[in-house]
Amino acid sequence: MPQHLRRIYLLLAVTSGLGVSSTLAADADHGADLAKRWCASCHVVSNGQATASADVPSFASVARRPDFSSEKLAFFLLDPHPKMPNFPLSRTEAGDIAAYIGSLRP
């Protein structure tokens, strides 16, 4: 399947599966647990974390971006990209991680 069609299908899946009501129902606590388990080897995922890769953004800095959107972030997490490992996240898990990152907004 062409890459642009794959992205469209993913966007449709994310927007239908993680719409406003589902995003509000996302479990930020579960997202924090997932982030600590899967993401903390590269990203600083919480205030108490001391080490991470130098060339990747902390979750707090991602949350502070002016264009931050939990929906866009969940879509990003579901779409494989070369700089990150290909974790097999479900839509729910991607939404939970995005909700956790959103909870870090000041």
C-alpha atoms as a PDB file:
ATOM      1  CA  MET A   1       0.000   0.000   0.000  1.00  0.00           C
ATOM      2  CA  PRO A   2       1.390   3.441  -0.854  1.00  0.00           C
ATOM      3  CA  GLN A   3       2.724   5.408   2.126  1.00  0.00           C
ATOM      4  CA  HIS A   4       0.279   8.315   1.681  1.00  0.00           C
ATOM      5  CA  LEU A   5      -2.720   5.942   1.791  1.00  0.00           C
ATOM      6  CA  ARG A   6      -1.323   4.215   4.856  1.00  0.00           C
ATOM      7  CA  ARG A   7      -1.046   7.596   6.605  1.00  0.00           C
ATOM      8  CA  ILE A   8      -4.621   8.479   5.649  1.00  0.00           C
ATOM      9  CA  TYR A   9      -5.904   5.169   7.031  1.00  0.00           C
ATOM     10  CA  LEU A  10      -3.922   5.682  10.237  1.00  0.00           C
ATOM     11  CA  LEU A  11      -5.264   9.208  10.582  1.00  0.00           C
ATOM     12  CA  LEU A  12      -8.824   7.960  10.138  1.00  0.00           C
ATOM     13  CA  ALA A  13      -8.248   5.187  12.667  1.00  0.00           C
ATOM     14  CA  VAL A  14      -6.770   7.582  15.194  1.00  0.00           C
ATOM     15  CA  THR A  15      -9.392  10.255  14.770  1.00  0.00           C
ATOM     16  CA  SER A  16     -12.218   7.755  15.023  1.00  0.00           C
ATOM     17  CA  GLY A  17     -10.599   5.816  17.876  1.00  0.00           C
ATOM     18  CA  LEU A  18      -9.169   8.781  19.757  1.00  0.00           C
ATOM     19  CA  GLY A  19     -11.711  11.486  19.166  1.00  0.00           C
ATOM     20  CA  VAL A  20     -12.423  14.116  21.763  1.00  0.00           C
ATOM     21  CA  SER A  21     -14.523  11.874  23.990  1.00  0.00           C
ATOM     22  CA  SER A  22     -11.990   9.022  23.858  1.00  0.00           C
ATOM     23  CA  THR A  23      -9.086  11.374  24.507  1.00  0.00           C
ATOM     24  CA  LEU A  24     -10.844  12.713  27.559  1.00  0.00           C
ATOM     25  CA  ALA A  25     -11.286   9.116  28.691  1.00  0.00           C
ATOM     26  CA  ALA A  26      -7.625   8.257  28.044  1.00  0.00           C
ATOM     27  CA  ASP A  27      -5.764   6.990  31.090  1.00  0.00           C
ATOM     28  CA  ALA A  28      -2.813   9.289  31.796  1.00  0.00           C
ATOM     29  CA  ASP A  29      -1.698   7.115  34.743  1.00  0.00           C
ATOM     30  CA  HIS A  30      -1.492   4.084  32.463  1.00  0.00           C
ATOM     31  CA  GLY A  31       0.329   6.274  29.930  1.00  0.00           C
ATOM     32  CA  ALA A  32       2.874   7.210  32.617  1.00  0.00           C
ATOM     33  CA  ASP A  33       3.475   3.533  33.374  1.00  0.00           C
ATOM     34  CA  LEU A  34       3.929   2.759  29.660  1.00  0.00           C
ATOM     35  CA  ALA A  35       6.235   5.740  29.206  1.00  0.00           C
ATOM     36  CA  LYS A  36       8.436   4.700  32.116  1.00  0.00           C
ATOM     37  CA  ARG A  37       8.665   1.179  30.742  1.00  0.00           C
ATOM     38  CA  TRP A  38       9.093   1.871  27.012  1.00  0.00           C
ATOM     39  CA  CYS A  39      10.184   5.484  26.547  1.00  0.00           C
ATOM     40  CA  ALA A  40      12.476   6.297  29.479  1.00  0.00           C
ATOM     41  CA  SER A  41      15.543   4.721  27.909  1.00  0.00           C
ATOM     42  CA  CYS A  42      15.634   7.659  25.463  1.00  0.00           C
ATOM     43  CA  HIS A  43      13.300  10.387  26.824  1.00  0.00           C
ATOM     44  CA  VAL A  44      13.066  12.032  30.225  1.00  0.00           C
ATOM     45  CA  VAL A  45       9.491  11.025  30.973  1.00  0.00           C
ATOM     46  CA  SER A  46       9.119  12.295  34.550  1.00  0.00           C
ATOM     47  CA  ASN A  47      10.625  14.890  36.858  1.00  0.00           C
ATOM     48  CA  GLY A  48      12.509  12.343  38.951  1.00  0.00           C
ATOM     49  CA  GLN A  49      14.325  10.759  36.001  1.00  0.00           C
ATOM     50  CA  ALA A  50      18.043  11.554  35.889  1.00  0.00           C
ATOM     51  CA  THR A  51      19.250  10.123  32.573  1.00  0.00           C
ATOM     52  CA  ALA A  52      18.130   9.894  28.965  1.00  0.00           C
ATOM     53  CA  SER A  53      19.557  10.345  25.484  1.00  0.00           C
ATOM     54  CA  ALA A  54      20.891  13.840  24.931  1.00  0.00           C
ATOM     55  CA  ASP A  55      19.402  14.355  21.474  1.00  0.00           C
ATOM     56  CA  VAL A  56      15.730  13.613  22.204  1.00  0.00           C
ATOM     57  CA  PRO A  57      13.141  15.924  23.775  1.00  0.00           C
ATOM     58  CA  SER A  58      11.840  15.398  27.270  1.00  0.00           C
ATOM     59  CA  PHE A  59       8.138  14.679  27.564  1.00  0.00           C
ATOM     60  CA  ALA A  60       7.714  17.996  29.420  1.00  0.00           C
ATOM     61  CA  SER A  61       9.238  19.889  26.483  1.00  0.00           C
ATOM     62  CA  VAL A  62       6.932  18.051  24.062  1.00  0.00           C
ATOM     63  CA  ALA A  63       3.942  19.038  26.228  1.00  0.00           C
ATOM     64  CA  ARG A  64       5.027  22.714  26.230  1.00  0.00           C
ATOM     65  CA  ARG A  65       5.083  22.997  22.443  1.00  0.00           C
ATOM     66  CA  PRO A  66       2.555  25.622  21.313  1.00  0.00           C
ATOM     67  CA  ASP A  67       1.095  23.246  18.703  1.00  0.00           C
ATOM     68  CA  PHE A  68       0.758  20.315  21.136  1.00  0.00           C
ATOM     69  CA  SER A  69      -2.285  18.135  20.565  1.00  0.00           C
ATOM     70  CA  SER A  70      -2.931  14.782  22.226  1.00  0.00           C
ATOM     71  CA  GLU A  71      -4.663  13.558  19.072  1.00  0.00           C
ATOM     72  CA  LYS A  72      -1.734  14.507  16.819  1.00  0.00           C
ATOM     73  CA  LEU A  73       0.731  12.962  19.233  1.00  0.00           C
ATOM     74  CA  ALA A  74      -1.205   9.690  19.408  1.00  0.00           C
ATOM     75  CA  PHE A  75      -1.227   9.572  15.598  1.00  0.00           C
ATOM     76  CA  PHE A  76       2.522  10.240  15.566  1.00  0.00           C
ATOM     77  CA  LEU A  77       3.107   7.386  18.021  1.00  0.00           C
ATOM     78  CA  LEU A  78       1.152   4.951  15.846  1.00  0.00           C
ATOM     79  CA  ASP A  79       2.995   5.871  12.637  1.00  0.00           C
ATOM     80  CA  PRO A  80       6.413   4.173  12.435  1.00  0.00           C
ATOM     81  CA  HIS A  81       9.257   6.602  11.926  1.00  0.00           C
ATOM     82  CA  PRO A  82      12.988   6.026  11.698  1.00  0.00           C
ATOM     83  CA  LYS A  83      14.184   7.869  14.804  1.00  0.00           C
ATOM     84  CA  MET A  84      12.125   5.825  17.250  1.00  0.00           C
ATOM     85  CA  PRO A  85      11.911   2.088  17.851  1.00  0.00           C
ATOM     86  CA  ASN A  86       8.839   0.467  16.395  1.00  0.00           C
ATOM     87  CA  PHE A  87       6.833  -0.306  19.519  1.00  0.00           C
ATOM     88  CA  PRO A  88       3.598  -2.147  18.730  1.00  0.00           C
ATOM     89  CA  LEU A  89       1.291   0.344  20.487  1.00  0.00           C
ATOM     90  CA  SER A  90      -2.442  -0.096  20.371  1.00  0.00           C
ATOM     91  CA  ARG A  91      -4.618   2.970  19.781  1.00  0.00           C
ATOM     92  CA  THR A  92      -5.540   2.916  23.462  1.00  0.00           C
ATOM     93  CA  GLU A  93      -1.894   2.799  24.565  1.00  0.00           C
ATOM     94  CA  ALA A  94      -0.932   5.617  22.187  1.00  0.00           C
ATOM     95  CA  GLY A  95      -3.837   7.661  23.539  1.00  0.00           C
ATOM     96  CA  ASP A  96      -2.820   6.934  27.129  1.00  0.00           C
ATOM     97  CA  ILE A  97       0.798   8.012  26.502  1.00  0.00           C
ATOM     98  CA  ALA A  98      -0.405  11.145  24.715  1.00  0.00           C
ATOM     99  CA  ALA A  99      -2.750  11.887  27.652  1.00  0.00           C
ATOM    100  CA  TYR A 100       0.151  11.481  30.070  1.00  0.00           C
ATOM    101  CA  ILE A 101       2.311  13.873  28.059  1.00  0.00           C
ATOM    102  CA  GLY A 102      -0.621  16.288  27.889  1.00  0.00           C
ATOM    103  CA  SER A 103      -0.907  16.130  31.677  1.00  0.00           C
ATOM    104  CA  LEU A 104       2.602  17.608  31.862  1.00  0.00           C
ATOM    105  CA  ARG A 105       1.476  20.893  30.272  1.00  0.00           C
ATOM    106  CA  PRO A 106       1.976  23.833  32.634  1.00  0.00           C
END
